[in-house]
């Protein structure tokens, strides 16, 4: 039988999971050139922040972090809606969503 000490999940476990998910999202945004995949990376980073908020809220026994998660979720929904609308518009006009094709638009 496993002891209850081995089954205890502490704050460090949640923070480690959050850090891993955030790094995966950050690498996705930095290394990939597809707009849809980049938006998925941003969503991963926002979800990692949500895990951190809920973990600290739970271990500090207050609701501040859990309330903050609702605001982050609202921002994530708005970001997804605007990002996907831009992606569809760009695809309709240029027939591709590769970000490297649009680097010349900066100047």
Protein backbone atom coordinates (compact mmCIF):
# COMPACT_ATOMS: atom_id res chain seq x y z
CA UNK A 1 0.00 0.00 0.00
CA UNK A 2 1.07 3.53 -0.68
CA UNK A 3 1.40 5.75 2.32
CA UNK A 4 -0.61 8.94 2.52
CA UNK A 5 2.67 10.87 2.50
CA UNK A 6 3.39 9.76 -1.06
CA UNK A 7 -0.08 10.81 -2.22
CA UNK A 8 0.16 14.36 -0.85
CA UNK A 9 0.18 16.91 -3.64
CA UNK A 10 1.64 20.20 -2.47
CA UNK A 11 1.96 23.69 -3.81
CA UNK A 12 5.29 22.86 -5.45
CA UNK A 13 3.62 20.23 -7.63
CA UNK A 14 1.07 22.74 -8.93
CA UNK A 15 3.72 25.38 -9.52
CA UNK A 16 5.92 22.87 -11.35
CA UNK A 17 3.04 21.81 -13.59
CA UNK A 18 2.20 25.45 -14.23
CA UNK A 19 5.81 26.24 -15.13
CA UNK A 20 6.02 23.31 -17.55
CA UNK A 21 2.77 24.30 -19.27
CA UNK A 22 3.87 27.95 -19.46
CA UNK A 23 7.23 27.02 -21.01
CA UNK A 24 5.51 24.79 -23.59
CA UNK A 25 3.20 27.67 -24.49
CA UNK A 26 6.04 30.15 -24.67
CA UNK A 27 8.12 27.89 -26.91
CA UNK A 28 5.09 27.35 -29.11
CA UNK A 29 4.65 31.10 -29.58
CA UNK A 30 8.35 31.71 -30.17
CA UNK A 31 9.15 28.80 -32.47
CA UNK A 32 6.05 28.23 -34.57
CA UNK A 33 5.03 30.45 -37.47
CA UNK A 34 1.38 29.44 -37.85
CA UNK A 35 -1.04 31.97 -36.35
CA UNK A 36 -3.50 29.35 -35.07
CA UNK A 37 -0.73 27.40 -33.33
CA UNK A 38 0.61 30.63 -31.82
CA UNK A 39 -2.85 31.41 -30.42
CA UNK A 40 -2.92 27.93 -28.89
CA UNK A 41 0.42 28.69 -27.24
CA UNK A 42 -0.98 31.90 -25.75
CA UNK A 43 -3.95 29.92 -24.42
CA UNK A 44 -1.54 27.45 -22.80
CA UNK A 45 0.29 30.31 -21.09
CA UNK A 46 -2.97 31.80 -19.79
CA UNK A 47 -4.06 28.40 -18.46
CA UNK A 48 -0.72 28.01 -16.70
CA UNK A 49 -1.32 31.34 -14.98
CA UNK A 50 -4.81 30.13 -14.00
CA UNK A 51 -3.34 27.01 -12.38
CA UNK A 52 -0.98 29.22 -10.39
CA UNK A 53 -3.79 31.53 -9.26
CA UNK A 54 -5.95 28.63 -8.11
CA UNK A 55 -3.05 26.89 -6.37
CA UNK A 56 -2.06 29.96 -4.37
CA UNK A 57 -5.69 30.72 -3.62
CA UNK A 58 -6.28 27.21 -2.34
CA UNK A 59 -3.16 27.05 -0.19
CA UNK A 60 -3.70 30.55 1.25
CA UNK A 61 -7.37 29.84 1.97
CA UNK A 62 -8.74 32.93 0.23
CA UNK A 63 -10.84 33.43 -2.88
CA UNK A 64 -8.82 36.22 -4.53
CA UNK A 65 -6.98 33.93 -6.94
CA UNK A 66 -10.12 32.06 -7.93
CA UNK A 67 -11.91 35.33 -8.68
CA UNK A 68 -8.94 36.45 -10.75
CA UNK A 69 -9.25 33.28 -12.84
CA UNK A 70 -12.63 34.46 -14.10
CA UNK A 71 -11.05 37.67 -15.40
CA UNK A 72 -8.23 35.73 -17.08
CA UNK A 73 -10.78 33.40 -18.68
CA UNK A 74 -12.72 36.38 -20.03
CA UNK A 75 -9.53 37.84 -21.50
CA UNK A 76 -8.65 34.45 -23.01
CA UNK A 77 -12.07 34.18 -24.63
CA UNK A 78 -11.80 37.67 -26.09
CA UNK A 79 -8.27 36.96 -27.32
CA UNK A 80 -9.39 33.76 -28.99
CA UNK A 81 -12.34 35.44 -30.68
CA UNK A 82 -10.31 38.38 -31.99
CA UNK A 83 -7.35 36.20 -32.95
CA UNK A 84 -9.46 33.72 -34.87
CA UNK A 85 -11.34 36.53 -36.61
CA UNK A 86 -8.01 38.02 -37.72
CA UNK A 87 -6.78 34.61 -38.85
CA UNK A 88 -9.90 34.01 -40.95
CA UNK A 89 -9.65 37.48 -42.50
CA UNK A 90 -5.95 37.03 -43.30
CA UNK A 91 -6.60 33.59 -44.77
CA UNK A 92 -9.42 34.88 -46.97
CA UNK A 93 -7.24 37.66 -48.33
CA UNK A 94 -3.80 35.98 -48.64
CA UNK A 95 -4.73 32.24 -48.73
CA UNK A 96 -2.20 31.44 -45.98
CA UNK A 97 -1.72 32.07 -42.27
CA UNK A 98 2.06 31.80 -42.08
CA UNK A 99 3.38 34.72 -40.02
CA UNK A 100 6.69 34.95 -41.91
CA UNK A 101 4.81 36.12 -45.01
CA UNK A 102 3.59 39.19 -43.12
CA UNK A 103 6.89 40.44 -41.69
CA UNK A 104 7.14 42.98 -44.52
CA UNK A 105 3.99 44.74 -43.25
CA UNK A 106 5.97 46.30 -40.37
CA UNK A 107 7.41 49.09 -42.49
